[in-house]
Amino acid sequence: MGTRKPEDIRSIALISHGGAGKTSLNEAFLYDAGLISRMGRIEDKNTVSDFDSEEQKRGISISTSLATVPYKNKTIYVLDTPGFADFVGEQRCAMRVSDGALVLVNATAGVEVQTQSVWAFAENFETPAIFFISKLDRENADFDSVVSDIQENISDRAVPLYLPIGSELNFKGLVNVLTGKSYMYKGDGSKDFTEGDVPADMADAVSSARETLVERAVEADDE
């Protein structure tokens, strides 16, 4: 393996309330990069980052794990942190050394106590962070409600970059608000998807989301 240049290295911390899906997202990163042949599951005790016997026994992350993921000629170090308050020091340490943070919010639960705490850490450390709404394919998942919850309880400047196609068990894919491209999953458990245009019944929602996103960007430039 050749020497990595500093400018080609990034690090990101996965942070959230417990049970929001950080370890599963890390599995998805590794699977998409071709580093593992299939995604492990918490229930099966075979995920890459929860390798400790105590973590497998409890079904939760206890310490921060590090995964190296190649992406577009860059190297991404992904820090999968514990979500439960007992291990909050792990999240603080991860954010101190990370270039950015991905704050997971469970689509079935919305903003939880630890969600607010980890966002406060990101602000204190001035760590750039974005929200990732997880578990959109679960029963009672409500994307719009979670976005409103984030805006009301954490930051009114938060705006969606992607909109979901379908909901709960009918969740089928995503629309990129900026590019206007849709990504429809094949639904066979693979990482394959089909790129296309915005579904006709989502055109107004995507247009409105893009307008709001542009407005927020202009406001940020003015500041």
C-alpha atoms as a PDB file:
ATOM      1  CA  MET A   1       0.000   0.000   0.000  1.00  0.00           C
ATOM      2  CA  GLY A   2       1.423   3.378  -0.997  1.00  0.00           C
ATOM      3  CA  THR A   3       1.907   6.330   1.285  1.00  0.00           C
ATOM      4  CA  ARG A   4      -1.260   8.330   1.788  1.00  0.00           C
ATOM      5  CA  LYS A   5      -1.070  12.083   1.382  1.00  0.00           C
ATOM      6  CA  PRO A   6      -2.654  14.112   4.211  1.00  0.00           C
ATOM      7  CA  GLU A   7      -4.960  15.876   1.753  1.00  0.00           C
ATOM      8  CA  ASP A   8      -6.334  12.489   0.665  1.00  0.00           C
ATOM      9  CA  ILE A   9      -7.340  11.447   4.170  1.00  0.00           C
ATOM     10  CA  ARG A  10     -10.613  12.271   5.914  1.00  0.00           C
ATOM     11  CA  SER A  11     -12.090  11.146   9.216  1.00  0.00           C
ATOM     12  CA  ILE A  12     -15.733  11.100  10.247  1.00  0.00           C
ATOM     13  CA  ALA A  13     -17.376  10.170  13.534  1.00  0.00           C
ATOM     14  CA  LEU A  14     -20.720   8.382  13.609  1.00  0.00           C
ATOM     15  CA  ILE A  15     -22.593   9.747  16.625  1.00  0.00           C
ATOM     16  CA  SER A  16     -26.152   9.455  17.916  1.00  0.00           C
ATOM     17  CA  HIS A  17     -28.481   8.293  20.639  1.00  0.00           C
ATOM     18  CA  GLY A  18     -28.160   4.572  21.294  1.00  0.00           C
ATOM     19  CA  GLY A  19     -29.752   2.245  18.771  1.00  0.00           C
ATOM     20  CA  ALA A  20     -29.951   4.716  15.880  1.00  0.00           C
ATOM     21  CA  GLY A  21     -27.991   2.468  13.537  1.00  0.00           C
ATOM     22  CA  LYS A  22     -24.365   3.635  13.584  1.00  0.00           C
ATOM     23  CA  THR A  23     -22.858   0.159  13.490  1.00  0.00           C
ATOM     24  CA  SER A  24     -25.216  -0.924  10.703  1.00  0.00           C
ATOM     25  CA  LEU A  25     -24.314   2.185   8.697  1.00  0.00           C
ATOM     26  CA  ASN A  26     -20.638   1.369   9.129  1.00  0.00           C
ATOM     27  CA  GLU A  27     -21.390  -2.110   7.773  1.00  0.00           C
ATOM     28  CA  ALA A  28     -23.052  -0.491   4.753  1.00  0.00           C
ATOM     29  CA  PHE A  29     -19.969   1.663   4.111  1.00  0.00           C
ATOM     30  CA  LEU A  30     -17.715  -1.392   4.181  1.00  0.00           C
ATOM     31  CA  TYR A  31     -20.076  -3.428   2.004  1.00  0.00           C
ATOM     32  CA  ASP A  32     -20.455  -0.659  -0.571  1.00  0.00           C
ATOM     33  CA  ALA A  33     -16.665  -0.302  -0.746  1.00  0.00           C
ATOM     34  CA  GLY A  34     -16.333  -4.028  -1.426  1.00  0.00           C
ATOM     35  CA  LEU A  35     -14.397  -4.673   1.779  1.00  0.00           C
ATOM     36  CA  ILE A  36     -16.904  -7.263   3.041  1.00  0.00           C
ATOM     37  CA  SER A  37     -18.990  -9.701   0.981  1.00  0.00           C
ATOM     38  CA  ARG A  38     -22.178  -9.169   2.980  1.00  0.00           C
ATOM     39  CA  MET A  39     -23.425  -6.898   5.721  1.00  0.00           C
ATOM     40  CA  GLY A  40     -23.308  -8.223   9.248  1.00  0.00           C
ATOM     41  CA  ARG A  41     -26.171  -7.738  11.709  1.00  0.00           C
ATOM     42  CA  ILE A  42     -26.217  -6.792  15.379  1.00  0.00           C
ATOM     43  CA  GLU A  43     -28.609  -9.675  16.061  1.00  0.00           C
ATOM     44  CA  ASP A  44     -26.225 -12.144  14.448  1.00  0.00           C
ATOM     45  CA  LYS A  45     -23.228 -10.799  16.395  1.00  0.00           C
ATOM     46  CA  ASN A  46     -21.150 -10.587  13.228  1.00  0.00           C
ATOM     47  CA  THR A  47     -20.613  -6.885  12.533  1.00  0.00           C
ATOM     48  CA  VAL A  48     -17.097  -5.639  11.861  1.00  0.00           C
ATOM     49  CA  SER A  49     -17.022  -2.891  14.475  1.00  0.00           C
ATOM     50  CA  ASP A  50     -18.723  -4.706  17.370  1.00  0.00           C
ATOM     51  CA  PHE A  51     -16.085  -7.429  17.570  1.00  0.00           C
ATOM     52  CA  ASP A  52     -15.645  -7.461  21.361  1.00  0.00           C
ATOM     53  CA  SER A  53     -17.368 -10.369  23.114  1.00  0.00           C
ATOM     54  CA  GLU A  54     -19.039  -8.049  25.627  1.00  0.00           C
ATOM     55  CA  GLU A  55     -20.427  -5.897  22.806  1.00  0.00           C
ATOM     56  CA  GLN A  56     -21.789  -8.980  21.079  1.00  0.00           C
ATOM     57  CA  LYS A  57     -23.321 -10.201  24.320  1.00  0.00           C
ATOM     58  CA  ARG A  58     -25.068  -6.885  25.033  1.00  0.00           C
ATOM     59  CA  GLY A  59     -25.888  -6.037  21.440  1.00  0.00           C
ATOM     60  CA  ILE A  60     -24.450  -2.526  21.778  1.00  0.00           C
ATOM     61  CA  SER A  61     -21.182  -0.720  21.068  1.00  0.00           C
ATOM     62  CA  ILE A  62     -19.041  -0.101  24.145  1.00  0.00           C
ATOM     63  CA  SER A  63     -15.916   1.452  22.667  1.00  0.00           C
ATOM     64  CA  THR A  64     -15.132   3.400  19.507  1.00  0.00           C
ATOM     65  CA  SER A  65     -13.945   1.311  16.578  1.00  0.00           C
ATOM     66  CA  LEU A  66     -12.086   2.469  13.483  1.00  0.00           C
ATOM     67  CA  ALA A  67     -12.768   1.372   9.915  1.00  0.00           C
ATOM     68  CA  THR A  68     -10.756   2.387   6.850  1.00  0.00           C
ATOM     69  CA  VAL A  69     -12.937   2.944   3.791  1.00  0.00           C
ATOM     70  CA  PRO A  70     -11.597   3.870   0.327  1.00  0.00           C
ATOM     71  CA  TYR A  71     -13.753   6.331  -1.603  1.00  0.00           C
ATOM     72  CA  LYS A  72     -12.961   8.106  -4.883  1.00  0.00           C
ATOM     73  CA  ASN A  73      -9.184   7.940  -4.408  1.00  0.00           C
ATOM     74  CA  LYS A  74      -9.538   9.147  -0.830  1.00  0.00           C
ATOM     75  CA  THR A  75      -9.191   7.279   2.438  1.00  0.00           C
ATOM     76  CA  ILE A  76     -12.023   7.740   4.921  1.00  0.00           C
ATOM     77  CA  TYR A  77     -11.484   6.786   8.546  1.00  0.00           C
ATOM     78  CA  VAL A  78     -14.893   6.003  10.035  1.00  0.00           C
ATOM     79  CA  LEU A  79     -15.165   6.103  13.830  1.00  0.00           C
ATOM     80  CA  ASP A  80     -18.169   4.095  15.032  1.00  0.00           C
ATOM     81  CA  THR A  81     -18.941   5.350  18.545  1.00  0.00           C
ATOM     82  CA  PRO A  82     -21.157   3.986  21.342  1.00  0.00           C
ATOM     83  CA  GLY A  83     -24.513   5.725  21.616  1.00  0.00           C
ATOM     84  CA  PHE A  84     -25.482   5.115  25.216  1.00  0.00           C
ATOM     85  CA  ALA A  85     -24.841   7.832  27.799  1.00  0.00           C
ATOM     86  CA  ASP A  86     -22.635   5.543  29.903  1.00  0.00           C
ATOM     87  CA  PHE A  87     -19.992   5.742  27.170  1.00  0.00           C
ATOM     88  CA  VAL A  88     -20.358   9.394  26.230  1.00  0.00           C
ATOM     89  CA  GLY A  89     -16.629   9.976  26.683  1.00  0.00           C
ATOM     90  CA  GLU A  90     -16.015   7.821  23.613  1.00  0.00           C
ATOM     91  CA  GLN A  91     -18.113  10.168  21.479  1.00  0.00           C
ATOM     92  CA  ARG A  92     -16.377  13.254  22.819  1.00  0.00           C
ATOM     93  CA  CYS A  93     -12.943  11.814  22.064  1.00  0.00           C
ATOM     94  CA  ALA A  94     -13.975  10.777  18.550  1.00  0.00           C
ATOM     95  CA  MET A  95     -15.272  14.240  17.735  1.00  0.00           C
ATOM     96  CA  ARG A  96     -12.101  15.922  18.953  1.00  0.00           C
ATOM     97  CA  VAL A  97     -10.044  14.122  16.312  1.00  0.00           C
ATOM     98  CA  SER A  98     -12.546  13.897  13.437  1.00  0.00           C
ATOM     99  CA  ASP A  99     -12.857  16.172  10.425  1.00  0.00           C
ATOM    100  CA  GLY A 100     -16.630  15.875  10.618  1.00  0.00           C
ATOM    101  CA  ALA A 101     -19.520  14.094  12.281  1.00  0.00           C
ATOM    102  CA  LEU A 102     -22.543  12.234  10.985  1.00  0.00           C
ATOM    103  CA  VAL A 103     -25.389  12.579  13.499  1.00  0.00           C
ATOM    104  CA  LEU A 104     -27.823   9.703  13.081  1.00  0.00           C
ATOM    105  CA  VAL A 105     -31.475  10.246  13.990  1.00  0.00           C
ATOM    106  CA  ASN A 106     -33.836   7.276  14.144  1.00  0.00           C
ATOM    107  CA  ALA A 107     -36.761   7.856  11.744  1.00  0.00           C
ATOM    108  CA  THR A 108     -39.108   6.049  14.127  1.00  0.00           C
ATOM    109  CA  ALA A 109     -38.080   7.978  17.246  1.00  0.00           C
ATOM    110  CA  GLY A 110     -36.938  11.450  16.178  1.00  0.00           C
ATOM    111  CA  VAL A 111     -34.673  13.607  18.312  1.00  0.00           C
ATOM    112  CA  GLU A 112     -33.744  11.862  21.566  1.00  0.00           C
ATOM    113  CA  VAL A 113     -31.832  12.974  24.641  1.00  0.00           C
ATOM    114  CA  GLN A 114     -28.429  11.825  23.449  1.00  0.00           C
ATOM    115  CA  THR A 115     -29.070  13.306  19.997  1.00  0.00           C
ATOM    116  CA  GLN A 116     -29.109  16.756  21.556  1.00  0.00           C
ATOM    117  CA  SER A 117     -26.059  15.988  23.674  1.00  0.00           C
ATOM    118  CA  VAL A 118     -23.870  14.852  20.779  1.00  0.00           C
ATOM    119  CA  TRP A 119     -24.929  17.848  18.691  1.00  0.00           C
ATOM    120  CA  ALA A 120     -23.833  20.086  21.559  1.00  0.00           C
ATOM    121  CA  PHE A 121     -20.449  18.333  21.551  1.00  0.00           C
ATOM    122  CA  ALA A 122     -20.104  18.984  17.827  1.00  0.00           C
ATOM    123  CA  GLU A 123     -20.840  22.665  18.372  1.00  0.00           C
ATOM    124  CA  ASN A 124     -18.404  22.912  21.283  1.00  0.00           C
ATOM    125  CA  PHE A 125     -15.606  21.284  19.275  1.00  0.00           C
ATOM    126  CA  GLU A 126     -16.628  23.219  16.139  1.00  0.00           C
ATOM    127  CA  THR A 127     -16.863  19.917  14.296  1.00  0.00           C
ATOM    128  CA  PRO A 128     -18.772  20.181  10.990  1.00  0.00           C
ATOM    129  CA  ALA A 129     -21.792  17.887  11.224  1.00  0.00           C
ATOM    130  CA  ILE A 130     -24.779  16.755   9.207  1.00  0.00           C
ATOM    131  CA  PHE A 131     -27.841  14.725  10.141  1.00  0.00           C
ATOM    132  CA  PHE A 132     -28.519  11.256   8.758  1.00  0.00           C
ATOM    133  CA  ILE A 133     -32.079  10.004   9.223  1.00  0.00           C
ATOM    134  CA  SER A 134     -31.844   6.237   9.606  1.00  0.00           C
ATOM    135  CA  LYS A 135     -34.309   3.328   9.532  1.00  0.00           C
ATOM    136  CA  LEU A 136     -36.591   4.898   6.930  1.00  0.00           C
ATOM    137  CA  ASP A 137     -37.818   1.435   5.965  1.00  0.00           C
ATOM    138  CA  ARG A 138     -39.145   0.652   9.439  1.00  0.00           C
ATOM    139  CA  GLU A 139     -42.753   0.709  10.569  1.00  0.00           C
ATOM    140  CA  ASN A 140     -43.778   4.161  11.900  1.00  0.00           C
ATOM    141  CA  ALA A 141     -40.828   5.875  10.187  1.00  0.00           C
ATOM    142  CA  ASP A 142     -41.766   9.511   9.491  1.00  0.00           C
ATOM    143  CA  PHE A 143     -39.191  11.559   7.591  1.00  0.00           C
ATOM    144  CA  ASP A 144     -41.105  14.866   7.606  1.00  0.00           C
ATOM    145  CA  SER A 145     -41.832  14.622  11.320  1.00  0.00           C
ATOM    146  CA  VAL A 146     -38.170  13.947  12.124  1.00  0.00           C
ATOM    147  CA  VAL A 147     -36.999  16.885  10.000  1.00  0.00           C
ATOM    148  CA  SER A 148     -39.431  19.150  11.874  1.00  0.00           C
ATOM    149  CA  ASP A 149     -38.230  17.679  15.165  1.00  0.00           C
ATOM    150  CA  ILE A 150     -34.614  18.479  14.269  1.00  0.00           C
ATOM    151  CA  GLN A 151     -35.501  22.019  13.207  1.00  0.00           C
ATOM    152  CA  GLU A 152     -37.522  22.683  16.357  1.00  0.00           C
ATOM    153  CA  ASN A 153     -35.221  21.092  18.920  1.00  0.00           C
ATOM    154  CA  ILE A 154     -31.697  21.319  17.514  1.00  0.00           C
ATOM    155  CA  SER A 155     -31.261  23.710  14.594  1.00  0.00           C
ATOM    156  CA  ASP A 156     -33.801  25.648  12.555  1.00  0.00           C
ATOM    157  CA  ARG A 157     -31.164  25.898   9.816  1.00  0.00           C
ATOM    158  CA  ALA A 158     -31.266  22.172   9.067  1.00  0.00           C
ATOM    159  CA  VAL A 159     -32.616  21.432   5.572  1.00  0.00           C
ATOM    160  CA  PRO A 160     -32.875  18.131   3.662  1.00  0.00           C
ATOM    161  CA  LEU A 161     -30.306  17.300   0.985  1.00  0.00           C
ATOM    162  CA  TYR A 162     -32.210  14.142   0.051  1.00  0.00           C
ATOM    163  CA  LEU A 163     -35.910  13.250   0.124  1.00  0.00           C
ATOM    164  CA  PRO A 164     -37.136   9.668   0.520  1.00  0.00           C
ATOM    165  CA  ILE A 165     -39.179   7.909  -2.140  1.00  0.00           C
ATOM    166  CA  GLY A 166     -41.916   6.050  -0.298  1.00  0.00           C
ATOM    167  CA  SER A 167     -42.066   5.385   3.421  1.00  0.00           C
ATOM    168  CA  GLU A 168     -41.928   2.569   5.939  1.00  0.00           C
ATOM    169  CA  LEU A 169     -42.109  -0.820   4.178  1.00  0.00           C
ATOM    170  CA  ASN A 170     -42.676   1.000   0.872  1.00  0.00           C
ATOM    171  CA  PHE A 171     -39.422   2.952   1.107  1.00  0.00           C
ATOM    172  CA  LYS A 172     -37.860   2.589  -2.343  1.00  0.00           C
ATOM    173  CA  GLY A 173     -35.061   5.127  -2.692  1.00  0.00           C
ATOM    174  CA  LEU A 174     -33.958   8.749  -2.517  1.00  0.00           C
ATOM    175  CA  VAL A 175     -34.015  11.972  -4.516  1.00  0.00           C
ATOM    176  CA  ASN A 176     -30.998  14.286  -4.471  1.00  0.00           C
ATOM    177  CA  VAL A 177     -32.444  17.771  -3.942  1.00  0.00           C
ATOM    178  CA  LEU A 178     -29.478  19.494  -5.606  1.00  0.00           C
ATOM    179  CA  THR A 179     -29.135  17.370  -8.734  1.00  0.00           C
ATOM    180  CA  GLY A 180     -32.758  16.337  -9.135  1.00  0.00           C
ATOM    181  CA  LYS A 181     -31.704  12.726  -9.632  1.00  0.00           C
ATOM    182  CA  SER A 182     -33.501   9.773  -8.091  1.00  0.00           C
ATOM    183  CA  TYR A 183     -31.893   6.575  -6.856  1.00  0.00           C
ATOM    184  CA  MET A 184     -34.204   3.574  -6.718  1.00  0.00           C
ATOM    185  CA  TYR A 185     -33.011   0.511  -4.845  1.00  0.00           C
ATOM    186  CA  LYS A 186     -33.613  -2.882  -6.416  1.00  0.00           C
ATOM    187  CA  GLY A 187     -35.047  -4.259  -3.185  1.00  0.00           C
ATOM    188  CA  ASP A 188     -33.159  -7.542  -3.381  1.00  0.00           C
ATOM    189  CA  GLY A 189     -30.815  -6.831  -0.494  1.00  0.00           C
ATOM    190  CA  SER A 190     -27.989  -5.789  -2.800  1.00  0.00           C
ATOM    191  CA  LYS A 191     -26.320  -2.393  -3.059  1.00  0.00           C
ATOM    192  CA  ASP A 192     -27.518  -1.967  -6.637  1.00  0.00           C
ATOM    193  CA  PHE A 193     -29.762   0.936  -7.610  1.00  0.00           C
ATOM    194  CA  THR A 194     -31.194   2.615 -10.689  1.00  0.00           C
ATOM    195  CA  GLU A 195     -30.599   6.310 -11.361  1.00  0.00           C
ATOM    196  CA  GLY A 196     -33.444   8.298 -12.873  1.00  0.00           C
ATOM    197  CA  ASP A 197     -35.482  11.485 -12.783  1.00  0.00           C
ATOM    198  CA  VAL A 198     -37.611  12.843  -9.957  1.00  0.00           C
ATOM    199  CA  PRO A 199     -40.913  10.954  -9.627  1.00  0.00           C
ATOM    200  CA  ALA A 200     -43.743  13.138 -10.946  1.00  0.00           C
ATOM    201  CA  ASP A 201     -45.622  13.113  -7.652  1.00  0.00           C
ATOM    202  CA  MET A 202     -42.526  14.475  -5.848  1.00  0.00           C
ATOM    203  CA  ALA A 203     -41.685  17.325  -8.228  1.00  0.00           C
ATOM    204  CA  ASP A 204     -43.246  20.070  -6.090  1.00  0.00           C
ATOM    205  CA  ALA A 205     -41.682  18.775  -2.865  1.00  0.00           C
ATOM    206  CA  VAL A 206     -38.225  18.577  -4.444  1.00  0.00           C
ATOM    207  CA  SER A 207     -38.545  22.059  -5.959  1.00  0.00           C
ATOM    208  CA  SER A 208     -39.581  23.512  -2.591  1.00  0.00           C
ATOM    209  CA  ALA A 209     -36.743  21.721  -0.789  1.00  0.00           C
ATOM    210  CA  ARG A 210     -34.202  22.994  -3.324  1.00  0.00           C
ATOM    211  CA  GLU A 211     -35.462  26.566  -2.938  1.00  0.00           C
ATOM    212  CA  THR A 212     -35.151  26.346   0.841  1.00  0.00           C
ATOM    213  CA  LEU A 213     -31.662  24.863   0.537  1.00  0.00           C
ATOM    214  CA  VAL A 214     -30.514  27.703  -1.729  1.00  0.00           C
ATOM    215  CA  GLU A 215     -31.969  30.286   0.660  1.00  0.00           C
ATOM    216  CA  ARG A 216     -30.051  28.780   3.587  1.00  0.00           C
ATOM    217  CA  ALA A 217     -26.843  28.754   1.542  1.00  0.00           C
ATOM    218  CA  VAL A 218     -27.267  32.432   0.652  1.00  0.00           C
ATOM    219  CA  GLU A 219     -27.913  33.302   4.294  1.00  0.00           C
ATOM    220  CA  ALA A 220     -24.739  31.467   5.304  1.00  0.00           C
ATOM    221  CA  ASP A 221     -22.705  33.379   2.697  1.00  0.00           C
ATOM    222  CA  ASP A 222     -24.094  36.686   3.978  1.00  0.00           C
ATOM    223  CA  GLU A 223     -22.958  35.808   7.491  1.00  0.00           C
END
